Amino acid sequence: MLSSPLHPILVHFPIALLFIGVVAQYLTFWKKDYFEKIALFLLPTGFVFAVISYVTGDSAEGYAFDHWGRQVESIIHTHETYALITLFLFGTITALKLLNLIMPFKLIKPIVLILCLSGIITLTLTGHYGGKIVYDHETTSFINEMN
């Protein structure tokens, strides 16, 4: 068994894939076909990694409670809520992009762009609260050990 959970390692994949996927989606205004293919690969792949990261979050929650106690509980729940919203947004984006392959219609692109902006905001907030769980409490634990 690993001494630390997989979640903190895995979360970097969806962060990178989804962020670059959103950038590619916005660049479709410049070079439609090229960046559409890139976004169509990165956004669903990032979504799959986001689902895997979300599922591994429970083991990280136990790890956080073992190391920093119940004081991190409210931050963990905020982090988890933003993660779930992010999953919903990028899952919807993925579904719309795949639907657009089968049955294209003009309103998908503006809807996807709005959802991408919303998804990047919630992804950033998810990462922010994930970082607060680790770094705010790791620093406190380190200072307490020094004293």
Protein backbone atom coordinates (compact mmCIF):
# COMPACT_ATOMS: atom_id res chain seq x y z
CA MET A 1 0.00 0.00 0.00
CA LEU A 2 1.19 3.50 -0.79
CA SER A 3 2.16 5.77 2.06
CA SER A 4 0.36 8.66 0.37
CA PRO A 5 -2.83 8.69 -1.69
CA LEU A 6 -2.91 8.69 -5.51
CA HIS A 7 -5.27 11.66 -5.67
CA PRO A 8 -2.63 14.44 -5.35
CA ILE A 9 -0.61 12.80 -8.13
CA LEU A 10 -3.52 12.19 -10.51
CA VAL A 11 -5.17 15.62 -10.26
CA HIS A 12 -2.45 17.24 -12.34
CA PHE A 13 -3.53 15.34 -15.47
CA PRO A 14 -7.08 16.71 -15.68
CA ILE A 15 -5.89 20.18 -14.71
CA ALA A 16 -3.42 20.28 -17.59
CA LEU A 17 -5.61 18.48 -20.14
CA LEU A 18 -8.74 20.51 -19.40
CA PHE A 19 -6.92 23.84 -19.28
CA ILE A 20 -5.16 23.25 -22.61
CA GLY A 21 -8.40 21.82 -24.04
CA VAL A 22 -10.26 25.01 -23.16
CA VAL A 23 -7.52 27.11 -24.75
CA ALA A 24 -7.77 24.94 -27.89
CA GLN A 25 -11.54 25.35 -27.89
CA TYR A 26 -11.19 29.14 -27.88
CA LEU A 27 -8.52 28.94 -30.62
CA THR A 28 -11.08 27.28 -32.92
CA PHE A 29 -12.04 30.85 -33.87
CA TRP A 30 -8.61 31.19 -35.44
CA LYS A 31 -8.00 27.75 -37.01
CA LYS A 32 -11.26 25.84 -36.74
CA ASP A 33 -10.40 22.35 -38.00
CA TYR A 34 -6.96 22.08 -36.39
CA PHE A 35 -7.90 23.25 -32.90
CA GLU A 36 -11.30 21.52 -32.98
CA LYS A 37 -9.51 18.17 -33.29
CA ILE A 38 -7.17 19.06 -30.45
CA ALA A 39 -10.05 20.20 -28.20
CA LEU A 40 -12.04 17.09 -29.13
CA PHE A 41 -9.16 14.95 -27.87
CA LEU A 42 -8.11 16.97 -24.80
CA LEU A 43 -11.50 17.79 -23.24
CA PRO A 44 -12.89 14.21 -23.12
CA THR A 45 -9.50 12.83 -22.05
CA GLY A 46 -9.27 15.47 -19.32
CA PHE A 47 -12.82 14.63 -18.24
CA VAL A 48 -11.94 10.92 -17.90
CA PHE A 49 -8.89 11.80 -15.78
CA ALA A 50 -11.08 14.17 -13.73
CA VAL A 51 -13.50 11.32 -12.97
CA ILE A 52 -10.59 9.10 -11.91
CA SER A 53 -9.19 11.91 -9.74
CA TYR A 54 -12.59 12.49 -8.14
CA VAL A 55 -12.97 8.80 -7.32
CA THR A 56 -9.53 8.70 -5.66
CA GLY A 57 -10.45 11.72 -3.52
CA ASP A 58 -11.96 9.58 -0.75
CA SER A 59 -8.61 7.99 0.06
CA ALA A 60 -7.03 11.44 0.15
CA GLU A 61 -9.77 12.60 2.53
CA GLY A 62 -8.87 9.83 4.97
CA TYR A 63 -5.21 10.72 4.62
CA ALA A 64 -5.96 14.39 5.36
CA PHE A 65 -7.99 13.51 8.47
CA ASP A 66 -5.20 11.21 9.69
CA HIS A 67 -2.55 13.92 9.22
CA TRP A 68 -4.36 17.17 10.04
CA GLY A 69 -7.46 16.10 11.96
CA ARG A 70 -11.05 17.16 11.48
CA GLN A 71 -10.07 20.83 11.17
CA VAL A 72 -9.74 20.32 7.39
CA GLU A 73 -13.27 18.94 7.00
CA SER A 74 -14.96 22.15 5.81
CA ILE A 75 -12.20 22.88 3.27
CA ILE A 76 -12.39 19.29 2.01
CA HIS A 77 -16.14 19.60 1.48
CA THR A 78 -15.72 22.91 -0.37
CA HIS A 79 -12.99 21.31 -2.53
CA GLU A 80 -15.24 18.32 -3.20
CA THR A 81 -18.23 20.52 -4.11
CA TYR A 82 -16.22 22.52 -6.65
CA ALA A 83 -14.78 19.27 -8.03
CA LEU A 84 -18.29 17.88 -8.55
CA ILE A 85 -19.43 21.08 -10.29
CA THR A 86 -16.31 20.93 -12.48
CA LEU A 87 -17.10 17.31 -13.38
CA PHE A 88 -20.64 18.25 -14.31
CA LEU A 89 -19.48 21.15 -16.52
CA PHE A 90 -16.78 19.22 -18.36
CA GLY A 91 -19.03 16.17 -18.66
CA THR A 92 -21.63 18.38 -20.33
CA ILE A 93 -18.95 19.89 -22.59
CA THR A 94 -17.77 16.41 -23.57
CA ALA A 95 -21.34 15.25 -24.29
CA LEU A 96 -22.08 18.33 -26.39
CA LYS A 97 -18.87 18.00 -28.39
CA LEU A 98 -19.57 14.32 -29.10
CA LEU A 99 -23.19 15.10 -29.94
CA ASN A 100 -21.97 17.78 -32.34
CA LEU A 101 -20.06 15.09 -34.25
CA ILE A 102 -23.26 13.12 -34.80
CA MET A 103 -25.77 15.93 -35.13
CA PRO A 104 -24.13 19.35 -35.60
CA PHE A 105 -26.02 22.51 -34.79
CA LYS A 106 -24.87 26.11 -34.50
CA LEU A 107 -25.73 26.76 -30.86
CA ILE A 108 -23.35 24.10 -29.54
CA LYS A 109 -20.21 26.22 -30.02
CA PRO A 110 -21.34 29.25 -27.95
CA ILE A 111 -22.79 26.96 -25.27
CA VAL A 112 -19.52 25.00 -25.13
CA LEU A 113 -17.48 28.22 -24.89
CA ILE A 114 -19.59 29.49 -21.97
CA LEU A 115 -19.33 26.12 -20.23
CA CYS A 116 -15.55 26.09 -20.85
CA LEU A 117 -15.16 29.46 -19.15
CA SER A 118 -17.32 28.29 -16.24
CA GLY A 119 -15.39 25.01 -16.07
CA ILE A 120 -12.01 26.74 -15.91
CA ILE A 121 -13.27 28.93 -13.07
CA THR A 122 -14.52 25.94 -11.05
CA LEU A 123 -11.39 23.93 -11.92
CA THR A 124 -9.27 26.78 -10.55
CA LEU A 125 -11.36 26.99 -7.39
CA THR A 126 -11.15 23.21 -6.95
CA GLY A 127 -7.36 23.38 -7.19
CA HIS A 128 -7.22 26.39 -4.87
CA TYR A 129 -9.12 24.60 -2.12
CA GLY A 130 -7.15 21.39 -2.72
CA GLY A 131 -3.96 23.39 -2.21
CA LYS A 132 -5.36 24.98 0.96
CA ILE A 133 -5.99 21.51 2.41
CA VAL A 134 -2.37 20.54 1.95
CA TYR A 135 -0.31 23.69 2.23
CA ASP A 136 -2.17 25.63 4.92
CA HIS A 137 -2.22 22.61 7.22
CA GLU A 138 1.18 21.20 6.25
CA THR A 139 2.77 24.51 7.25
CA THR A 140 0.87 24.55 10.54
CA SER A 141 1.91 20.95 11.25
CA PHE A 142 5.54 21.77 10.44
CA ILE A 143 5.56 24.83 12.72
CA ASN A 144 3.97 22.81 15.55
CA GLU A 145 6.62 20.10 15.15
CA MET A 146 9.39 22.71 15.34
CA ASN A 147 8.10 24.03 18.68
